């Protein structure tokens, strides 16, 4: 029997080892077949977590490079992901938070890199639109990064604090809900806290060290893509600002319709797990 707090994979492995010994003593023709092997379910859960984390990280890196239009900037921001995860795992180990499908699978890398994106993008904008000589020295680069980072520190910190506050009510859950959702809230909070610290310290430092000091900017695919998006977005936002009442009433109407639909939907607290 597995005791409370034991590792199920280790227990199942011990059972299998003991069963190999028992099979040698069974009468001829008697076979012992396992009815449920929990280690297979655990293996599938671990595979799902690994797949989600790897795919999520790759998608975020691709989107960062695409929209920032700069490989160095994209990878600087993306480097926050493994460092924030390392910080989160360290705190999980310190506070005894289990890593499972709920806790690790809920991590959103887009939220983690939010502060870093703001600071790196502000730095790139400062370098591209400032009146500089062709190439900056390291000391000049340090001053420019410091200035642009100081301007955006408040926005980056405020944004991540808001995201962090969203998860705090989950820490007040009790009973079964606490056992399921508290590790998730703790893990995400640890990762966001790590990203918050990194965006205020590591990101400005690494930006000053590794971003190109060449201030000449050539238009690239990212610039053209953002111009195309801006051409579509500008009329929409201007129209929304012009017809405020229509937009407000439409939003309220959609909210009411959503509430009616939501009230008629069924629901289940725990999804079906494919253990068989």
C-alpha atoms as a PDB file:
ATOM      1  CA  UNK A   1       0.000   0.000   0.000  1.00  0.00           C
ATOM      2  CA  UNK A   2       1.252   3.449  -0.854  1.00  0.00           C
ATOM      3  CA  UNK A   3       1.639   5.648   2.204  1.00  0.00           C
ATOM      4  CA  UNK A   4       0.574   9.302   2.175  1.00  0.00           C
ATOM      5  CA  UNK A   5       3.215  11.515   0.586  1.00  0.00           C
ATOM      6  CA  UNK A   6       5.083   8.662  -1.090  1.00  0.00           C
ATOM      7  CA  UNK A   7       6.203   8.767  -4.735  1.00  0.00           C
ATOM      8  CA  UNK A   8       3.747   6.606  -6.687  1.00  0.00           C
ATOM      9  CA  UNK A   9       6.298   5.743  -9.388  1.00  0.00           C
ATOM     10  CA  UNK A  10       8.742   4.395  -6.784  1.00  0.00           C
ATOM     11  CA  UNK A  11       6.004   2.393  -5.061  1.00  0.00           C
ATOM     12  CA  UNK A  12       4.810   0.846  -8.345  1.00  0.00           C
ATOM     13  CA  UNK A  13       8.412  -0.016  -9.289  1.00  0.00           C
ATOM     14  CA  UNK A  14       8.870  -1.743  -5.912  1.00  0.00           C
ATOM     15  CA  UNK A  15       5.624  -3.681  -6.389  1.00  0.00           C
ATOM     16  CA  UNK A  16       6.738  -4.811  -9.852  1.00  0.00           C
ATOM     17  CA  UNK A  17      10.095  -5.962  -8.492  1.00  0.00           C
ATOM     18  CA  UNK A  18       8.379  -7.933  -5.725  1.00  0.00           C
ATOM     19  CA  UNK A  19       5.879  -9.435  -8.179  1.00  0.00           C
ATOM     20  CA  UNK A  20       8.752 -10.711 -10.329  1.00  0.00           C
ATOM     21  CA  UNK A  21       9.916 -12.675  -7.291  1.00  0.00           C
ATOM     22  CA  UNK A  22       6.413 -13.914  -6.498  1.00  0.00           C
ATOM     23  CA  UNK A  23       5.794 -15.152 -10.058  1.00  0.00           C
ATOM     24  CA  UNK A  24       8.691 -17.612  -9.685  1.00  0.00           C
ATOM     25  CA  UNK A  25       6.900 -19.293  -6.773  1.00  0.00           C
ATOM     26  CA  UNK A  26       3.435 -19.526  -8.375  1.00  0.00           C
ATOM     27  CA  UNK A  27       2.056 -22.922  -9.434  1.00  0.00           C
ATOM     28  CA  UNK A  28       2.214 -23.748 -13.123  1.00  0.00           C
ATOM     29  CA  UNK A  29      -0.574 -22.132 -15.115  1.00  0.00           C
ATOM     30  CA  UNK A  30      -1.227 -19.277 -12.621  1.00  0.00           C
ATOM     31  CA  UNK A  31      -0.544 -15.841 -14.056  1.00  0.00           C
ATOM     32  CA  UNK A  32      -0.739 -12.466 -12.293  1.00  0.00           C
ATOM     33  CA  UNK A  33      -1.861  -9.629 -14.582  1.00  0.00           C
ATOM     34  CA  UNK A  34      -1.994  -6.016 -13.297  1.00  0.00           C
ATOM     35  CA  UNK A  35      -5.500  -4.496 -13.402  1.00  0.00           C
ATOM     36  CA  UNK A  36      -4.300  -0.880 -13.152  1.00  0.00           C
ATOM     37  CA  UNK A  37      -0.724   0.357 -13.563  1.00  0.00           C
ATOM     38  CA  UNK A  38      -0.609   3.890 -12.195  1.00  0.00           C
ATOM     39  CA  UNK A  39       2.921   4.442 -13.465  1.00  0.00           C
ATOM     40  CA  UNK A  40       1.625   4.470 -17.051  1.00  0.00           C
ATOM     41  CA  UNK A  41      -0.821   7.253 -16.180  1.00  0.00           C
ATOM     42  CA  UNK A  42       1.946   9.189 -14.398  1.00  0.00           C
ATOM     43  CA  UNK A  43       4.198   8.736 -17.438  1.00  0.00           C
ATOM     44  CA  UNK A  44       1.509  10.094 -19.762  1.00  0.00           C
ATOM     45  CA  UNK A  45       0.948  13.065 -17.437  1.00  0.00           C
ATOM     46  CA  UNK A  46       4.697  13.847 -17.351  1.00  0.00           C
ATOM     47  CA  UNK A  47       4.866  13.551 -21.153  1.00  0.00           C
ATOM     48  CA  UNK A  48       1.935  15.978 -21.478  1.00  0.00           C
ATOM     49  CA  UNK A  49       3.623  18.506 -19.170  1.00  0.00           C
ATOM     50  CA  UNK A  50       6.933  18.236 -21.052  1.00  0.00           C
ATOM     51  CA  UNK A  51       5.174  18.597 -24.421  1.00  0.00           C
ATOM     52  CA  UNK A  52       3.177  21.648 -23.276  1.00  0.00           C
ATOM     53  CA  UNK A  53       6.219  23.382 -21.757  1.00  0.00           C
ATOM     54  CA  UNK A  54       8.464  22.779 -24.787  1.00  0.00           C
ATOM     55  CA  UNK A  55       5.830  23.733 -27.360  1.00  0.00           C
ATOM     56  CA  UNK A  56       4.789  26.789 -25.330  1.00  0.00           C
ATOM     57  CA  UNK A  57       8.387  28.004 -25.045  1.00  0.00           C
ATOM     58  CA  UNK A  58       9.052  27.531 -28.786  1.00  0.00           C
ATOM     59  CA  UNK A  59       5.855  29.364 -29.771  1.00  0.00           C
ATOM     60  CA  UNK A  60       6.674  32.284 -27.463  1.00  0.00           C
ATOM     61  CA  UNK A  61      10.240  32.525 -28.835  1.00  0.00           C
ATOM     62  CA  UNK A  62       8.922  32.503 -32.422  1.00  0.00           C
ATOM     63  CA  UNK A  63       6.353  35.229 -31.699  1.00  0.00           C
ATOM     64  CA  UNK A  64       8.925  37.360 -29.854  1.00  0.00           C
ATOM     65  CA  UNK A  65      11.434  37.233 -32.709  1.00  0.00           C
ATOM     66  CA  UNK A  66       8.675  37.851 -35.270  1.00  0.00           C
ATOM     67  CA  UNK A  67       7.208  40.926 -33.572  1.00  0.00           C
ATOM     68  CA  UNK A  68      10.390  42.423 -32.155  1.00  0.00           C
ATOM     69  CA  UNK A  69      12.120  41.991 -35.505  1.00  0.00           C
ATOM     70  CA  UNK A  70      15.442  41.313 -33.828  1.00  0.00           C
ATOM     71  CA  UNK A  71      16.940  37.911 -33.047  1.00  0.00           C
ATOM     72  CA  UNK A  72      19.053  39.186 -30.168  1.00  0.00           C
ATOM     73  CA  UNK A  73      16.110  40.968 -28.542  1.00  0.00           C
ATOM     74  CA  UNK A  74      13.867  37.940 -29.019  1.00  0.00           C
ATOM     75  CA  UNK A  75      16.324  35.547 -27.432  1.00  0.00           C
ATOM     76  CA  UNK A  76      17.114  37.959 -24.574  1.00  0.00           C
ATOM     77  CA  UNK A  77      13.423  38.031 -23.683  1.00  0.00           C
ATOM     78  CA  UNK A  78      13.091  34.279 -24.225  1.00  0.00           C
ATOM     79  CA  UNK A  79      16.025  33.610 -21.881  1.00  0.00           C
ATOM     80  CA  UNK A  80      13.825  34.839 -19.038  1.00  0.00           C
ATOM     81  CA  UNK A  81      11.655  31.705 -19.444  1.00  0.00           C
ATOM     82  CA  UNK A  82      14.178  29.065 -18.244  1.00  0.00           C
ATOM     83  CA  UNK A  83      15.522  31.378 -15.532  1.00  0.00           C
ATOM     84  CA  UNK A  84      12.030  32.131 -14.200  1.00  0.00           C
ATOM     85  CA  UNK A  85      11.211  28.405 -14.319  1.00  0.00           C
ATOM     86  CA  UNK A  86      14.404  27.630 -12.380  1.00  0.00           C
ATOM     87  CA  UNK A  87      13.394  30.226  -9.773  1.00  0.00           C
ATOM     88  CA  UNK A  88       9.885  28.737  -9.572  1.00  0.00           C
ATOM     89  CA  UNK A  89      11.141  25.161  -9.230  1.00  0.00           C
ATOM     90  CA  UNK A  90      13.572  26.234  -6.513  1.00  0.00           C
ATOM     91  CA  UNK A  91      10.731  27.810  -4.505  1.00  0.00           C
ATOM     92  CA  UNK A  92       8.508  24.778  -5.186  1.00  0.00           C
ATOM     93  CA  UNK A  93      11.193  22.586  -3.668  1.00  0.00           C
ATOM     94  CA  UNK A  94      11.636  25.003  -0.748  1.00  0.00           C
ATOM     95  CA  UNK A  95       7.915  25.172   0.088  1.00  0.00           C
ATOM     96  CA  UNK A  96       7.097  21.552  -0.781  1.00  0.00           C
ATOM     97  CA  UNK A  97       4.842  22.313  -3.759  1.00  0.00           C
ATOM     98  CA  UNK A  98       4.325  19.289  -6.004  1.00  0.00           C
ATOM     99  CA  UNK A  99       5.021  19.515  -9.720  1.00  0.00           C
ATOM    100  CA  UNK A 100       2.063  17.986 -11.535  1.00  0.00           C
ATOM    101  CA  UNK A 101      -0.170  18.418 -14.564  1.00  0.00           C
ATOM    102  CA  UNK A 102      -2.171  21.181 -12.852  1.00  0.00           C
ATOM    103  CA  UNK A 103       0.727  23.184 -11.414  1.00  0.00           C
ATOM    104  CA  UNK A 104       3.254  23.004 -14.264  1.00  0.00           C
ATOM    105  CA  UNK A 105       0.706  22.761 -17.075  1.00  0.00           C
ATOM    106  CA  UNK A 106      -0.886  26.070 -16.047  1.00  0.00           C
ATOM    107  CA  UNK A 107       2.270  28.150 -16.559  1.00  0.00           C
ATOM    108  CA  UNK A 108       1.801  30.720 -19.319  1.00  0.00           C
ATOM    109  CA  UNK A 109       5.115  31.805 -20.825  1.00  0.00           C
ATOM    110  CA  UNK A 110       3.467  34.869 -22.344  1.00  0.00           C
ATOM    111  CA  UNK A 111       2.748  36.155 -18.841  1.00  0.00           C
ATOM    112  CA  UNK A 112       6.288  35.382 -17.704  1.00  0.00           C
ATOM    113  CA  UNK A 113       7.998  37.441 -20.424  1.00  0.00           C
ATOM    114  CA  UNK A 114       5.567  40.380 -20.229  1.00  0.00           C
ATOM    115  CA  UNK A 115       7.848  42.667 -18.191  1.00  0.00           C
ATOM    116  CA  UNK A 116      10.954  41.713 -20.150  1.00  0.00           C
ATOM    117  CA  UNK A 117       9.222  42.506 -23.460  1.00  0.00           C
ATOM    118  CA  UNK A 118       8.309  46.008 -22.257  1.00  0.00           C
ATOM    119  CA  UNK A 119      11.866  46.841 -21.200  1.00  0.00           C
ATOM    120  CA  UNK A 120      13.629  45.338 -24.233  1.00  0.00           C
ATOM    121  CA  UNK A 121      11.207  46.937 -26.678  1.00  0.00           C
ATOM    122  CA  UNK A 122      11.632  50.335 -24.982  1.00  0.00           C
ATOM    123  CA  UNK A 123      15.401  49.960 -25.248  1.00  0.00           C
ATOM    124  CA  UNK A 124      15.217  49.073 -28.947  1.00  0.00           C
ATOM    125  CA  UNK A 125      12.894  52.017 -29.611  1.00  0.00           C
ATOM    126  CA  UNK A 126      15.275  54.349 -27.796  1.00  0.00           C
ATOM    127  CA  UNK A 127      18.247  53.133 -29.824  1.00  0.00           C
ATOM    128  CA  UNK A 128      16.392  53.236 -33.164  1.00  0.00           C
ATOM    129  CA  UNK A 129      14.837  56.696 -32.785  1.00  0.00           C
ATOM    130  CA  UNK A 130      17.413  58.538 -30.713  1.00  0.00           C
ATOM    131  CA  UNK A 131      19.920  60.945 -32.227  1.00  0.00           C
ATOM    132  CA  UNK A 132      23.139  58.985 -31.825  1.00  0.00           C
ATOM    133  CA  UNK A 133      26.292  58.420 -33.730  1.00  0.00           C
ATOM    134  CA  UNK A 134      26.495  55.280 -35.856  1.00  0.00           C
ATOM    135  CA  UNK A 135      27.864  53.047 -33.105  1.00  0.00           C
ATOM    136  CA  UNK A 136      27.713  53.465 -29.329  1.00  0.00           C
ATOM    137  CA  UNK A 137      30.446  52.637 -26.860  1.00  0.00           C
ATOM    138  CA  UNK A 138      29.671  50.268 -24.006  1.00  0.00           C
ATOM    139  CA  UNK A 139      29.377  53.111 -21.493  1.00  0.00           C
ATOM    140  CA  UNK A 140      26.980  55.003 -23.785  1.00  0.00           C
ATOM    141  CA  UNK A 141      24.995  51.826 -24.298  1.00  0.00           C
ATOM    142  CA  UNK A 142      24.773  51.326 -20.531  1.00  0.00           C
ATOM    143  CA  UNK A 143      23.413  54.859 -20.080  1.00  0.00           C
ATOM    144  CA  UNK A 144      20.796  54.443 -22.828  1.00  0.00           C
ATOM    145  CA  UNK A 145      19.593  51.102 -21.477  1.00  0.00           C
ATOM    146  CA  UNK A 146      19.480  52.509 -17.958  1.00  0.00           C
ATOM    147  CA  UNK A 147      17.416  55.488 -19.123  1.00  0.00           C
ATOM    148  CA  UNK A 148      14.924  53.488 -21.174  1.00  0.00           C
ATOM    149  CA  UNK A 149      14.615  50.796 -18.488  1.00  0.00           C
ATOM    150  CA  UNK A 150      13.990  53.395 -15.758  1.00  0.00           C
ATOM    151  CA  UNK A 151      11.172  54.891 -17.822  1.00  0.00           C
ATOM    152  CA  UNK A 152       9.447  51.518 -18.228  1.00  0.00           C
ATOM    153  CA  UNK A 153      10.186  49.944 -14.823  1.00  0.00           C
ATOM    154  CA  UNK A 154       6.911  51.213 -13.398  1.00  0.00           C
ATOM    155  CA  UNK A 155       4.827  49.858 -16.285  1.00  0.00           C
ATOM    156  CA  UNK A 156       6.601  46.488 -16.271  1.00  0.00           C
ATOM    157  CA  UNK A 157       6.282  46.097 -12.499  1.00  0.00           C
ATOM    158  CA  UNK A 158       2.654  47.269 -12.421  1.00  0.00           C
ATOM    159  CA  UNK A 159       1.643  44.852 -15.195  1.00  0.00           C
ATOM    160  CA  UNK A 160       3.198  41.838 -13.515  1.00  0.00           C
ATOM    161  CA  UNK A 161       1.811  42.769 -10.083  1.00  0.00           C
ATOM    162  CA  UNK A 162      -1.698  42.856 -11.594  1.00  0.00           C
ATOM    163  CA  UNK A 163      -1.158  39.392 -13.104  1.00  0.00           C
ATOM    164  CA  UNK A 164       0.120  38.129  -9.745  1.00  0.00           C
ATOM    165  CA  UNK A 165      -2.906  39.515  -7.868  1.00  0.00           C
ATOM    166  CA  UNK A 166      -5.253  37.537 -10.145  1.00  0.00           C
ATOM    167  CA  UNK A 167      -3.904  34.257  -8.735  1.00  0.00           C
ATOM    168  CA  UNK A 168      -3.951  35.267  -5.060  1.00  0.00           C
ATOM    169  CA  UNK A 169      -7.652  34.369  -4.442  1.00  0.00           C
ATOM    170  CA  UNK A 170      -6.839  30.755  -5.354  1.00  0.00           C
ATOM    171  CA  UNK A 171      -4.601  30.592  -2.282  1.00  0.00           C
ATOM    172  CA  UNK A 172      -7.700  31.101  -0.108  1.00  0.00           C
ATOM    173  CA  UNK A 173      -9.430  27.929  -1.364  1.00  0.00           C
ATOM    174  CA  UNK A 174     -10.051  25.060   1.073  1.00  0.00           C
ATOM    175  CA  UNK A 175     -10.861  21.358   0.825  1.00  0.00           C
ATOM    176  CA  UNK A 176     -10.588  19.524  -2.494  1.00  0.00           C
ATOM    177  CA  UNK A 177     -10.360  22.817  -4.378  1.00  0.00           C
ATOM    178  CA  UNK A 178      -7.300  23.748  -2.329  1.00  0.00           C
ATOM    179  CA  UNK A 179      -5.546  20.450  -3.073  1.00  0.00           C
ATOM    180  CA  UNK A 180      -6.154  20.861  -6.806  1.00  0.00           C
ATOM    181  CA  UNK A 181      -5.668  24.568  -7.439  1.00  0.00           C
ATOM    182  CA  UNK A 182      -3.376  25.843  -4.664  1.00  0.00           C
ATOM    183  CA  UNK A 183      -0.215  24.214  -6.188  1.00  0.00           C
ATOM    184  CA  UNK A 184      -1.122  25.784  -9.528  1.00  0.00           C
ATOM    185  CA  UNK A 185      -1.526  29.257  -8.012  1.00  0.00           C
ATOM    186  CA  UNK A 186       1.714  28.892  -6.054  1.00  0.00           C
ATOM    187  CA  UNK A 187       3.722  27.682  -9.060  1.00  0.00           C
ATOM    188  CA  UNK A 188       2.462  30.447 -11.358  1.00  0.00           C
ATOM    189  CA  UNK A 189       3.057  33.032  -8.619  1.00  0.00           C
ATOM    190  CA  UNK A 190       6.619  31.791  -8.110  1.00  0.00           C
ATOM    191  CA  UNK A 191       7.311  31.958 -11.866  1.00  0.00           C
ATOM    192  CA  UNK A 192       5.852  35.485 -12.186  1.00  0.00           C
ATOM    193  CA  UNK A 193       7.790  36.631  -9.113  1.00  0.00           C
ATOM    194  CA  UNK A 194      10.996  35.278 -10.640  1.00  0.00           C
ATOM    195  CA  UNK A 195      10.231  36.972 -13.965  1.00  0.00           C
ATOM    196  CA  UNK A 196       9.477  40.219 -12.109  1.00  0.00           C
ATOM    197  CA  UNK A 197      12.866  40.181 -10.377  1.00  0.00           C
ATOM    198  CA  UNK A 198      14.641  39.253 -13.629  1.00  0.00           C
ATOM    199  CA  UNK A 199      12.947  42.032 -15.610  1.00  0.00           C
ATOM    200  CA  UNK A 200      14.237  44.606 -13.120  1.00  0.00           C
ATOM    201  CA  UNK A 201      17.791  43.260 -12.887  1.00  0.00           C
ATOM    202  CA  UNK A 202      18.855  40.661 -15.442  1.00  0.00           C
ATOM    203  CA  UNK A 203      17.052  42.016 -18.524  1.00  0.00           C
ATOM    204  CA  UNK A 204      18.587  45.548 -18.486  1.00  0.00           C
ATOM    205  CA  UNK A 205      22.036  44.091 -17.816  1.00  0.00           C
ATOM    206  CA  UNK A 206      21.869  41.501 -20.602  1.00  0.00           C
ATOM    207  CA  UNK A 207      20.334  44.066 -22.994  1.00  0.00           C
ATOM    208  CA  UNK A 208      23.244  46.448 -22.453  1.00  0.00           C
ATOM    209  CA  UNK A 209      25.719  43.606 -22.978  1.00  0.00           C
ATOM    210  CA  UNK A 210      24.240  41.805 -25.985  1.00  0.00           C
ATOM    211  CA  UNK A 211      21.988  44.152 -27.970  1.00  0.00           C
ATOM    212  CA  UNK A 212      23.659  45.608 -31.037  1.00  0.00           C
ATOM    213  CA  UNK A 213      25.352  48.957 -30.407  1.00  0.00           C
ATOM    214  CA  UNK A 214      24.877  49.871 -34.061  1.00  0.00           C
ATOM    215  CA  UNK A 215      22.105  52.518 -34.050  1.00  0.00           C
ATOM    216  CA  UNK A 216      21.367  52.467 -37.789  1.00  0.00           C
ATOM    217  CA  UNK A 217      17.996  50.802 -38.314  1.00  0.00           C
ATOM    218  CA  UNK A 218      16.935  49.143 -41.556  1.00  0.00           C
ATOM    219  CA  UNK A 219      13.255  48.382 -42.056  1.00  0.00           C
ATOM    220  CA  UNK A 220      12.553  44.672 -41.848  1.00  0.00           C
ATOM    221  CA  UNK A 221       9.619  42.286 -42.099  1.00  0.00           C
ATOM    222  CA  UNK A 222       8.531  43.080 -38.552  1.00  0.00           C
ATOM    223  CA  UNK A 223       8.265  46.811 -39.344  1.00  0.00           C
ATOM    224  CA  UNK A 224       6.210  46.163 -42.471  1.00  0.00           C
ATOM    225  CA  UNK A 225       3.966  43.730 -40.611  1.00  0.00           C
ATOM    226  CA  UNK A 226       3.324  46.218 -37.810  1.00  0.00           C
ATOM    227  CA  UNK A 227       2.559  48.955 -40.366  1.00  0.00           C
ATOM    228  CA  UNK A 228      -0.024  46.686 -41.984  1.00  0.00           C
ATOM    229  CA  UNK A 229      -1.577  45.910 -38.606  1.00  0.00           C
ATOM    230  CA  UNK A 230      -1.585  49.604 -37.729  1.00  0.00           C
ATOM    231  CA  UNK A 231      -3.422  50.479 -40.959  1.00  0.00           C
ATOM    232  CA  UNK A 232      -6.210  48.099 -39.966  1.00  0.00           C
ATOM    233  CA  UNK A 233      -6.194  48.949 -36.267  1.00  0.00           C
ATOM    234  CA  UNK A 234      -6.147  52.748 -36.483  1.00  0.00           C
ATOM    235  CA  UNK A 235      -9.574  53.143 -38.199  1.00  0.00           C
ATOM    236  CA  UNK A 236     -11.083  50.630 -35.764  1.00  0.00           C
ATOM    237  CA  UNK A 237      -9.800  52.388 -32.636  1.00  0.00           C
ATOM    238  CA  UNK A 238     -10.725  55.813 -34.021  1.00  0.00           C
ATOM    239  CA  UNK A 239     -14.228  54.565 -34.778  1.00  0.00           C
ATOM    240  CA  UNK A 240     -14.557  53.070 -31.303  1.00  0.00           C
ATOM    241  CA  UNK A 241     -13.515  56.380 -29.730  1.00  0.00           C
ATOM    242  CA  UNK A 242     -15.959  58.275 -31.942  1.00  0.00           C
ATOM    243  CA  UNK A 243     -18.964  56.035 -31.180  1.00  0.00           C
ATOM    244  CA  UNK A 244     -18.362  55.401 -27.479  1.00  0.00           C
ATOM    245  CA  UNK A 245     -21.986  54.762 -26.536  1.00  0.00           C
ATOM    246  CA  UNK A 246     -22.467  52.173 -29.287  1.00  0.00           C
ATOM    247  CA  UNK A 247     -19.332  50.320 -28.222  1.00  0.00           C
ATOM    248  CA  UNK A 248     -20.362  50.408 -24.558  1.00  0.00           C
ATOM    249  CA  UNK A 249     -23.899  49.136 -25.230  1.00  0.00           C
ATOM    250  CA  UNK A 250     -22.526  46.396 -27.520  1.00  0.00           C
ATOM    251  CA  UNK A 251     -20.132  45.243 -24.802  1.00  0.00           C
ATOM    252  CA  UNK A 252     -22.917  45.176 -22.198  1.00  0.00           C
ATOM    253  CA  UNK A 253     -25.168  43.254 -24.617  1.00  0.00           C
ATOM    254  CA  UNK A 254     -22.447  40.667 -25.318  1.00  0.00           C
ATOM    255  CA  UNK A 255     -21.840  40.290 -21.570  1.00  0.00           C
ATOM    256  CA  UNK A 256     -25.566  39.693 -20.971  1.00  0.00           C
ATOM    257  CA  UNK A 257     -25.774  37.110 -23.781  1.00  0.00           C
ATOM    258  CA  UNK A 258     -22.646  35.373 -22.456  1.00  0.00           C
ATOM    259  CA  UNK A 259     -24.165  35.254 -18.964  1.00  0.00           C
ATOM    260  CA  UNK A 260     -27.353  33.632 -20.286  1.00  0.00           C
ATOM    261  CA  UNK A 261     -25.380  31.047 -22.276  1.00  0.00           C
ATOM    262  CA  UNK A 262     -23.078  30.342 -19.328  1.00  0.00           C
ATOM    263  CA  UNK A 263     -26.016  29.791 -16.961  1.00  0.00           C
ATOM    264  CA  UNK A 264     -27.423  27.126 -19.308  1.00  0.00           C
ATOM    265  CA  UNK A 265     -24.165  25.233 -19.771  1.00  0.00           C
ATOM    266  CA  UNK A 266     -23.441  22.182 -17.671  1.00  0.00           C
ATOM    267  CA  UNK A 267     -20.164  21.732 -15.903  1.00  0.00           C
ATOM    268  CA  UNK A 268     -17.960  19.310 -14.065  1.00  0.00           C
ATOM    269  CA  UNK A 269     -15.463  19.997 -11.348  1.00  0.00           C
ATOM    270  CA  UNK A 270     -12.998  17.217 -12.214  1.00  0.00           C
ATOM    271  CA  UNK A 271     -12.457  16.149 -15.860  1.00  0.00           C
ATOM    272  CA  UNK A 272     -12.339  12.483 -16.828  1.00  0.00           C
ATOM    273  CA  UNK A 273      -8.794  11.145 -16.531  1.00  0.00           C
ATOM    274  CA  UNK A 274      -7.646   8.505 -18.987  1.00  0.00           C
ATOM    275  CA  UNK A 275      -6.235   6.092 -16.427  1.00  0.00           C
ATOM    276  CA  UNK A 276      -7.228   2.913 -18.240  1.00  0.00           C
END
